[in-house]
Amino acid sequence: MFRPKLKLSWLYPRAYTKLLRKKSTNTIEIAYTMYDNGADTAKPPLMILHAMLGARMQWDHLAKAIQETTGRKVVTVDARNHGDSPRATEHSYINMADDALDLVQKLGMQKVKEDLPLIKEYFPSAELVYIEGANHWVHVDRPDQFLETLCKFLEENE
């Protein structure tokens, strides 16, 4: 059987994580909404980043519910060239990650778990949760079940 020899280093999180840590020189101030009504400052905040072609407004309802349910500060953002954030000619994952990092620093969000030790060393014991009737946009298709699952995860990983 023929097996093509492919260089798949771009798939591995270590290489990707190192790449994301390179600081871009062209950060911009991105648009955001903060939900912090009576937020417990002892709990780490949650920053929600939308998917490609998305916007922070898609998370409004759930962000409010997450804040009310968990008691933690929740911030939703529009990435550069999305929603209400400014348009920029430079557009890469590095730029978007650095824009988000600048916002974290600007808002004084000090309890940020950096890569949750490399996302628990690349997902050992990751739990796949199936939500009946939900498709790719689980948070839109089944918002109540998504909220319940997310809040349980946050509580278990504080």
N, C-alpha and C. Protein backbone atom coordinates (compact mmCIF):
# COMPACT_ATOMS: atom_id res chain seq x y z
N MET A 1 0.84 -1.18 0.00
CA MET A 1 0.00 0.00 0.00
C MET A 1 0.88 1.24 0.00
N PHE A 2 0.58 2.20 -0.86
CA PHE A 2 1.35 3.44 -0.95
C PHE A 2 0.92 4.42 0.15
N ARG A 3 1.89 4.90 0.88
CA ARG A 3 1.62 5.93 1.90
C ARG A 3 2.48 7.14 1.59
N PRO A 4 1.86 8.24 1.24
CA PRO A 4 2.65 9.43 0.93
C PRO A 4 3.39 9.92 2.17
N LYS A 5 4.58 10.41 1.95
CA LYS A 5 5.37 10.94 3.06
C LYS A 5 5.03 12.42 3.20
N LEU A 6 4.35 12.76 4.27
CA LEU A 6 3.91 14.13 4.49
C LEU A 6 4.60 14.72 5.70
N LYS A 7 4.92 15.97 5.60
CA LYS A 7 5.46 16.67 6.76
C LYS A 7 4.27 17.30 7.48
N LEU A 8 3.94 16.77 8.65
CA LEU A 8 2.75 17.23 9.36
C LEU A 8 3.08 18.05 10.60
N SER A 9 4.28 18.63 10.64
CA SER A 9 4.66 19.37 11.84
C SER A 9 3.71 20.53 12.12
N TRP A 10 3.05 21.06 11.10
CA TRP A 10 2.13 22.17 11.32
C TRP A 10 0.91 21.74 12.13
N LEU A 11 0.67 20.45 12.22
CA LEU A 11 -0.47 19.97 12.99
C LEU A 11 -0.22 19.92 14.49
N TYR A 12 1.03 19.85 14.87
CA TYR A 12 1.34 19.61 16.27
C TYR A 12 1.24 20.88 17.10
N PRO A 13 0.53 20.83 18.21
CA PRO A 13 0.32 22.02 19.04
C PRO A 13 1.59 22.69 19.53
N ARG A 14 2.65 21.95 19.83
CA ARG A 14 3.88 22.59 20.32
C ARG A 14 4.40 23.60 19.32
N ALA A 15 4.47 23.21 18.07
CA ALA A 15 4.96 24.12 17.03
C ALA A 15 4.02 25.30 16.90
N TYR A 16 2.72 25.03 16.93
CA TYR A 16 1.73 26.09 16.80
C TYR A 16 1.79 27.04 17.98
N THR A 17 1.92 26.49 19.19
CA THR A 17 1.99 27.33 20.38
C THR A 17 3.22 28.23 20.33
N LYS A 18 4.35 27.70 19.92
CA LYS A 18 5.55 28.52 19.82
C LYS A 18 5.35 29.62 18.80
N LEU A 19 4.71 29.30 17.70
CA LEU A 19 4.45 30.30 16.68
C LEU A 19 3.56 31.41 17.22
N LEU A 20 2.52 31.05 17.97
CA LEU A 20 1.62 32.06 18.50
C LEU A 20 2.28 32.97 19.51
N ARG A 21 3.34 32.53 20.11
CA ARG A 21 3.98 33.35 21.13
C ARG A 21 4.89 34.42 20.54
N LYS A 22 5.09 34.42 19.24
CA LYS A 22 5.86 35.49 18.62
C LYS A 22 4.98 36.74 18.65
N LYS A 23 5.49 37.81 19.17
CA LYS A 23 4.72 39.04 19.30
C LYS A 23 4.68 39.78 17.98
N SER A 24 3.49 40.08 17.48
CA SER A 24 3.39 40.87 16.26
C SER A 24 3.65 42.33 16.62
N THR A 25 4.01 43.10 15.62
CA THR A 25 4.33 44.51 15.87
C THR A 25 3.15 45.42 15.60
N ASN A 26 2.07 44.87 15.10
CA ASN A 26 0.95 45.70 14.69
C ASN A 26 -0.34 45.29 15.39
N THR A 27 -0.41 45.49 16.71
CA THR A 27 -1.65 45.17 17.41
C THR A 27 -2.62 46.34 17.29
N ILE A 28 -3.89 46.04 17.40
CA ILE A 28 -4.93 47.08 17.35
C ILE A 28 -5.83 46.91 18.56
N GLU A 29 -6.60 47.95 18.87
CA GLU A 29 -7.57 47.85 19.96
C GLU A 29 -8.85 47.24 19.41
N ILE A 30 -9.15 46.05 19.89
CA ILE A 30 -10.32 45.33 19.38
C ILE A 30 -11.56 45.66 20.21
N ALA A 31 -12.72 45.52 19.58
CA ALA A 31 -13.99 45.78 20.26
C ALA A 31 -14.31 44.62 21.20
N TYR A 32 -14.90 44.96 22.34
CA TYR A 32 -15.25 43.91 23.31
C TYR A 32 -16.47 44.33 24.12
N THR A 33 -17.10 43.35 24.74
CA THR A 33 -18.18 43.59 25.70
C THR A 33 -17.82 42.84 26.97
N MET A 34 -17.97 43.51 28.11
CA MET A 34 -17.66 42.88 29.38
C MET A 34 -18.94 42.66 30.17
N TYR A 35 -19.10 41.45 30.68
CA TYR A 35 -20.22 41.09 31.53
C TYR A 35 -19.64 40.84 32.92
N ASP A 36 -19.87 41.77 33.84
CA ASP A 36 -19.27 41.62 35.17
C ASP A 36 -20.19 42.06 36.29
N ASN A 37 -21.48 41.96 36.07
CA ASN A 37 -22.45 42.36 37.07
C ASN A 37 -22.29 41.52 38.34
N GLY A 38 -21.68 42.10 39.36
CA GLY A 38 -21.47 41.37 40.61
C GLY A 38 -20.49 40.23 40.49
N ALA A 39 -19.54 40.34 39.55
CA ALA A 39 -18.60 39.24 39.32
C ALA A 39 -17.71 39.00 40.53
N ASP A 40 -17.43 37.74 40.78
CA ASP A 40 -16.54 37.32 41.86
C ASP A 40 -15.11 37.45 41.37
N THR A 41 -14.37 38.42 41.90
CA THR A 41 -13.01 38.67 41.42
C THR A 41 -12.04 37.56 41.80
N ALA A 42 -12.43 36.66 42.68
CA ALA A 42 -11.57 35.54 43.04
C ALA A 42 -11.57 34.47 41.94
N LYS A 43 -12.59 34.50 41.10
CA LYS A 43 -12.67 33.51 40.01
C LYS A 43 -12.00 34.06 38.77
N PRO A 44 -11.25 33.22 38.05
CA PRO A 44 -10.62 33.69 36.82
C PRO A 44 -11.67 34.11 35.80
N PRO A 45 -11.42 35.19 35.07
CA PRO A 45 -12.37 35.62 34.05
C PRO A 45 -12.37 34.66 32.87
N LEU A 46 -13.40 34.75 32.06
CA LEU A 46 -13.51 33.94 30.86
C LEU A 46 -13.58 34.87 29.66
N MET A 47 -12.68 34.69 28.70
CA MET A 47 -12.71 35.47 27.46
C MET A 47 -13.20 34.55 26.35
N ILE A 48 -14.24 34.98 25.65
CA ILE A 48 -14.80 34.19 24.57
C ILE A 48 -14.38 34.80 23.24
N LEU A 49 -13.74 33.98 22.42
CA LEU A 49 -13.31 34.40 21.09
C LEU A 49 -14.19 33.69 20.07
N HIS A 50 -14.78 34.44 19.18
CA HIS A 50 -15.68 33.84 18.18
C HIS A 50 -14.90 33.06 17.13
N ALA A 51 -15.62 32.29 16.35
CA ALA A 51 -15.02 31.50 15.27
C ALA A 51 -14.85 32.36 14.02
N MET A 52 -14.23 31.78 13.01
CA MET A 52 -14.02 32.49 11.75
C MET A 52 -15.36 33.00 11.21
N LEU A 53 -15.35 34.22 10.75
CA LEU A 53 -16.51 34.90 10.18
C LEU A 53 -17.58 35.20 11.23
N GLY A 54 -17.26 35.06 12.50
CA GLY A 54 -18.21 35.33 13.57
C GLY A 54 -18.06 36.73 14.12
N ALA A 55 -18.75 36.97 15.22
CA ALA A 55 -18.68 38.26 15.92
C ALA A 55 -19.11 38.03 17.36
N ARG A 56 -18.70 38.95 18.23
CA ARG A 56 -19.00 38.79 19.66
C ARG A 56 -20.49 38.79 19.95
N MET A 57 -21.26 39.49 19.15
CA MET A 57 -22.71 39.57 19.41
C MET A 57 -23.38 38.20 19.35
N GLN A 58 -22.76 37.24 18.66
CA GLN A 58 -23.33 35.90 18.60
C GLN A 58 -23.30 35.22 19.97
N TRP A 59 -22.48 35.75 20.87
CA TRP A 59 -22.32 35.17 22.20
C TRP A 59 -23.05 35.96 23.29
N ASP A 60 -23.73 37.04 22.94
CA ASP A 60 -24.36 37.91 23.95
C ASP A 60 -25.22 37.14 24.95
N HIS A 61 -26.17 36.39 24.46
CA HIS A 61 -27.11 35.69 25.35
C HIS A 61 -26.37 34.70 26.26
N LEU A 62 -25.50 33.89 25.67
CA LEU A 62 -24.78 32.90 26.47
C LEU A 62 -23.77 33.54 27.40
N ALA A 63 -23.12 34.61 26.97
CA ALA A 63 -22.14 35.28 27.84
C ALA A 63 -22.83 35.79 29.11
N LYS A 64 -24.01 36.37 28.95
CA LYS A 64 -24.78 36.83 30.12
C LYS A 64 -25.13 35.66 31.02
N ALA A 65 -25.58 34.58 30.41
CA ALA A 65 -25.96 33.39 31.19
C ALA A 65 -24.75 32.78 31.90
N ILE A 66 -23.61 32.73 31.23
CA ILE A 66 -22.39 32.20 31.85
C ILE A 66 -22.01 33.06 33.04
N GLN A 67 -22.07 34.39 32.87
CA GLN A 67 -21.72 35.30 33.96
C GLN A 67 -22.66 35.12 35.14
N GLU A 68 -23.95 35.04 34.87
CA GLU A 68 -24.92 34.89 35.95
C GLU A 68 -24.80 33.53 36.64
N THR A 69 -24.51 32.49 35.88
CA THR A 69 -24.43 31.14 36.44
C THR A 69 -23.15 30.90 37.22
N THR A 70 -22.03 31.39 36.68
CA THR A 70 -20.73 31.11 37.32
C THR A 70 -20.28 32.21 38.27
N GLY A 71 -20.82 33.41 38.10
CA GLY A 71 -20.40 34.53 38.94
C GLY A 71 -19.07 35.13 38.53
N ARG A 72 -18.50 34.69 37.42
CA ARG A 72 -17.20 35.22 36.98
C ARG A 72 -17.39 36.27 35.90
N LYS A 73 -16.39 37.11 35.72
CA LYS A 73 -16.38 38.11 34.66
C LYS A 73 -16.25 37.38 33.32
N VAL A 74 -17.04 37.81 32.33
CA VAL A 74 -16.99 37.24 30.99
C VAL A 74 -16.77 38.37 30.00
N VAL A 75 -15.82 38.18 29.09
CA VAL A 75 -15.51 39.18 28.07
C VAL A 75 -15.65 38.52 26.71
N THR A 76 -16.43 39.15 25.82
CA THR A 76 -16.52 38.68 24.44
C THR A 76 -15.82 39.70 23.55
N VAL A 77 -15.16 39.23 22.51
CA VAL A 77 -14.39 40.15 21.66
C VAL A 77 -14.71 39.93 20.18
N ASP A 78 -14.50 41.00 19.42
CA ASP A 78 -14.50 40.91 17.96
C ASP A 78 -13.05 40.92 17.53
N ALA A 79 -12.61 39.90 16.84
CA ALA A 79 -11.25 39.86 16.31
C ALA A 79 -11.08 40.96 15.26
N ARG A 80 -9.84 41.31 14.99
CA ARG A 80 -9.60 42.31 13.94
C ARG A 80 -10.31 41.88 12.65
N ASN A 81 -10.81 42.86 11.92
CA ASN A 81 -11.54 42.63 10.67
C ASN A 81 -12.85 41.86 10.86
N HIS A 82 -13.38 41.85 12.06
CA HIS A 82 -14.66 41.20 12.36
C HIS A 82 -15.50 42.17 13.19
N GLY A 83 -16.81 42.07 13.06
CA GLY A 83 -17.72 42.84 13.90
C GLY A 83 -17.37 44.32 13.96
N ASP A 84 -17.27 44.86 15.18
CA ASP A 84 -17.00 46.28 15.37
C ASP A 84 -15.52 46.62 15.51
N SER A 85 -14.65 45.64 15.41
CA SER A 85 -13.21 45.92 15.51
C SER A 85 -12.72 46.56 14.22
N PRO A 86 -11.65 47.35 14.35
CA PRO A 86 -11.11 48.03 13.16
C PRO A 86 -10.62 47.06 12.10
N ARG A 87 -10.60 47.55 10.89
CA ARG A 87 -10.05 46.79 9.77
C ARG A 87 -8.54 47.00 9.75
N ALA A 88 -7.81 45.95 9.44
CA ALA A 88 -6.36 46.02 9.40
C ALA A 88 -5.86 45.23 8.20
N THR A 89 -4.79 45.71 7.59
CA THR A 89 -4.25 44.99 6.43
C THR A 89 -3.53 43.73 6.87
N GLU A 90 -2.87 43.77 8.02
CA GLU A 90 -2.23 42.56 8.54
C GLU A 90 -3.30 41.72 9.22
N HIS A 91 -3.37 40.46 8.83
CA HIS A 91 -4.42 39.61 9.39
C HIS A 91 -3.90 38.18 9.48
N SER A 92 -3.53 37.77 10.67
CA SER A 92 -3.03 36.41 10.89
C SER A 92 -3.45 35.96 12.28
N TYR A 93 -3.29 34.67 12.56
CA TYR A 93 -3.59 34.17 13.90
C TYR A 93 -2.67 34.82 14.93
N ILE A 94 -1.44 35.09 14.53
CA ILE A 94 -0.51 35.76 15.46
C ILE A 94 -1.05 37.14 15.81
N ASN A 95 -1.48 37.91 14.79
CA ASN A 95 -2.04 39.24 15.05
C ASN A 95 -3.25 39.16 15.97
N MET A 96 -4.16 38.22 15.68
CA MET A 96 -5.38 38.12 16.48
C MET A 96 -5.08 37.69 17.91
N ALA A 97 -4.14 36.77 18.07
CA ALA A 97 -3.76 36.34 19.43
C ALA A 97 -3.14 37.49 20.20
N ASP A 98 -2.29 38.26 19.55
CA ASP A 98 -1.65 39.39 20.22
C ASP A 98 -2.64 40.50 20.54
N ASP A 99 -3.63 40.72 19.67
CA ASP A 99 -4.69 41.69 19.97
C ASP A 99 -5.44 41.27 21.24
N ALA A 100 -5.77 39.99 21.33
CA ALA A 100 -6.48 39.47 22.51
C ALA A 100 -5.61 39.58 23.75
N LEU A 101 -4.33 39.28 23.63
CA LEU A 101 -3.42 39.39 24.77
C LEU A 101 -3.30 40.83 25.23
N ASP A 102 -3.23 41.77 24.30
CA ASP A 102 -3.20 43.18 24.68
C ASP A 102 -4.46 43.58 25.44
N LEU A 103 -5.61 43.06 25.01
CA LEU A 103 -6.86 43.36 25.71
C LEU A 103 -6.84 42.76 27.12
N VAL A 104 -6.34 41.55 27.26
CA VAL A 104 -6.21 40.92 28.58
C VAL A 104 -5.40 41.83 29.50
N GLN A 105 -4.29 42.34 28.99
CA GLN A 105 -3.43 43.21 29.80
C GLN A 105 -4.10 44.55 30.08
N LYS A 106 -4.77 45.12 29.08
CA LYS A 106 -5.46 46.40 29.24
C LYS A 106 -6.54 46.32 30.31
N LEU A 107 -7.26 45.19 30.34
CA LEU A 107 -8.35 45.01 31.31
C LEU A 107 -7.85 44.54 32.67
N GLY A 108 -6.55 44.31 32.78
CA GLY A 108 -5.99 43.87 34.06
C GLY A 108 -6.46 42.48 34.46
N MET A 109 -6.69 41.64 33.49
CA MET A 109 -7.14 40.27 33.76
C MET A 109 -5.92 39.47 34.17
N GLN A 110 -5.62 39.48 35.46
CA GLN A 110 -4.38 38.88 35.94
C GLN A 110 -4.48 37.38 36.14
N LYS A 111 -5.68 36.89 36.33
CA LYS A 111 -5.83 35.45 36.57
C LYS A 111 -6.11 34.75 35.24
N VAL A 112 -5.11 34.74 34.40
CA VAL A 112 -5.22 34.07 33.11
C VAL A 112 -4.34 32.84 33.18
N LYS A 113 -4.91 31.71 32.89
CA LYS A 113 -4.14 30.47 32.91
C LYS A 113 -3.52 30.29 31.53
N GLU A 114 -2.21 30.51 31.44
CA GLU A 114 -1.55 30.44 30.15
C GLU A 114 -1.61 29.03 29.58
N ASP A 115 -2.37 28.89 28.54
CA ASP A 115 -2.51 27.63 27.80
C ASP A 115 -2.89 26.46 28.68
N LEU A 116 -3.46 26.72 29.82
CA LEU A 116 -3.89 25.69 30.77
C LEU A 116 -2.95 24.50 30.64
N PRO A 117 -1.70 24.71 31.21
CA PRO A 117 -0.52 23.91 30.89
C PRO A 117 -0.66 23.06 29.63
N LEU A 118 -0.41 23.82 28.55
CA LEU A 118 -0.47 23.29 27.19
C LEU A 118 -1.69 22.40 26.98
N ILE A 119 -2.81 23.00 27.36
CA ILE A 119 -4.11 22.35 27.28
C ILE A 119 -3.98 20.90 27.74
N LYS A 120 -3.62 20.90 29.02
CA LYS A 120 -3.43 19.66 29.78
C LYS A 120 -2.61 18.65 28.99
N GLU A 121 -1.46 19.17 28.53
CA GLU A 121 -0.49 18.39 27.76
C GLU A 121 -1.19 17.62 26.64
N TYR A 122 -1.85 18.43 25.82
CA TYR A 122 -2.50 17.97 24.59
C TYR A 122 -3.62 16.97 24.80
N PHE A 123 -4.45 17.30 25.72
CA PHE A 123 -5.75 16.64 25.90
C PHE A 123 -5.79 15.29 26.60
N PRO A 124 -4.81 14.88 27.43
CA PRO A 124 -5.00 13.61 28.13
C PRO A 124 -6.27 13.70 28.97
N SER A 125 -6.98 12.68 29.00
CA SER A 125 -8.25 12.57 29.71
C SER A 125 -9.27 13.58 29.25
N ALA A 126 -9.14 14.05 28.03
CA ALA A 126 -10.15 14.97 27.51
C ALA A 126 -11.48 14.22 27.48
N GLU A 127 -12.51 14.95 27.73
CA GLU A 127 -13.83 14.33 27.74
C GLU A 127 -14.63 14.88 26.57
N LEU A 128 -15.07 14.01 25.72
CA LEU A 128 -15.91 14.40 24.60
C LEU A 128 -17.35 14.38 25.09
N VAL A 129 -18.01 15.50 24.93
CA VAL A 129 -19.40 15.60 25.38
C VAL A 129 -20.29 15.71 24.15
N TYR A 130 -21.22 14.80 24.04
CA TYR A 130 -22.16 14.81 22.93
C TYR A 130 -23.45 15.46 23.39
N ILE A 131 -23.89 16.45 22.64
CA ILE A 131 -25.15 17.11 22.96
C ILE A 131 -26.13 16.80 21.84
N GLU A 132 -27.12 16.01 22.16
CA GLU A 132 -28.12 15.53 21.20
C GLU A 132 -28.74 16.69 20.42
N GLY A 133 -28.77 16.56 19.10
CA GLY A 133 -29.43 17.54 18.26
C GLY A 133 -28.61 18.77 17.94
N ALA A 134 -27.37 18.81 18.40
CA ALA A 134 -26.53 19.97 18.12
C ALA A 134 -25.60 19.67 16.96
N ASN A 135 -25.37 20.66 16.15
CA ASN A 135 -24.46 20.52 15.03
C ASN A 135 -23.17 21.27 15.34
N HIS A 136 -22.53 21.85 14.33
CA HIS A 136 -21.25 22.52 14.50
C HIS A 136 -21.32 23.67 15.50
N TRP A 137 -22.38 24.45 15.47
CA TRP A 137 -22.52 25.58 16.38
C TRP A 137 -23.34 25.13 17.59
N VAL A 138 -22.73 24.36 18.43
CA VAL A 138 -23.42 23.78 19.58
C VAL A 138 -24.05 24.87 20.44
N HIS A 139 -23.33 25.96 20.65
CA HIS A 139 -23.82 27.04 21.51
C HIS A 139 -25.05 27.73 20.94
N VAL A 140 -25.29 27.59 19.64
CA VAL A 140 -26.48 28.17 19.01
C VAL A 140 -27.60 27.14 18.95
N ASP A 141 -27.25 25.91 18.60
CA ASP A 141 -28.26 24.85 18.45
C ASP A 141 -28.87 24.42 19.78
N ARG A 142 -28.04 24.32 20.81
CA ARG A 142 -28.50 23.84 22.13
C ARG A 142 -27.86 24.70 23.23
N PRO A 143 -28.25 25.97 23.32
CA PRO A 143 -27.58 26.87 24.26
C PRO A 143 -27.69 26.45 25.73
N ASP A 144 -28.82 25.89 26.15
CA ASP A 144 -28.96 25.50 27.56
C ASP A 144 -28.02 24.36 27.92
N GLN A 145 -27.94 23.37 27.06
CA GLN A 145 -27.05 22.24 27.33
C GLN A 145 -25.59 22.67 27.24
N PHE A 146 -25.28 23.56 26.30
CA PHE A 146 -23.92 24.07 26.17
C PHE A 146 -23.52 24.82 27.44
N LEU A 147 -24.42 25.68 27.93
CA LEU A 147 -24.16 26.45 29.14
C LEU A 147 -23.92 25.52 30.33
N GLU A 148 -24.77 24.54 30.49
CA GLU A 148 -24.63 23.60 31.61
C GLU A 148 -23.28 22.87 31.55
N THR A 149 -22.90 22.41 30.37
CA THR A 149 -21.64 21.68 30.19
C THR A 149 -20.44 22.58 30.44
N LEU A 150 -20.48 23.80 29.91
CA LEU A 150 -19.38 24.74 30.09
C LEU A 150 -19.22 25.12 31.56
N CYS A 151 -20.31 25.41 32.23
CA CYS A 151 -20.24 25.80 33.65
C CYS A 151 -19.69 24.66 34.49
N LYS A 152 -20.07 23.44 34.18
CA LYS A 152 -19.54 22.28 34.90
C LYS A 152 -18.04 22.18 34.69
N PHE A 153 -17.58 22.37 33.45
CA PHE A 153 -16.15 22.33 33.14
C PHE A 153 -15.39 23.42 33.91
N LEU A 154 -15.93 24.64 33.90
CA LEU A 154 -15.26 25.75 34.60
C LEU A 154 -15.16 25.48 36.09
N GLU A 155 -16.23 24.96 36.67
CA GLU A 155 -16.25 24.66 38.10
C GLU A 155 -15.21 23.60 38.46
N GLU A 156 -15.10 22.59 37.62
CA GLU A 156 -14.15 21.50 37.90
C GLU A 156 -12.70 21.90 37.66
N ASN A 157 -12.46 23.00 36.93
CA ASN A 157 -11.10 23.38 36.56
C ASN A 157 -10.67 24.73 37.11
N GLU A 158 -11.24 25.16 38.22
CA GLU A 158 -10.84 26.44 38.81
C GLU A 158 -9.52 26.32 39.50
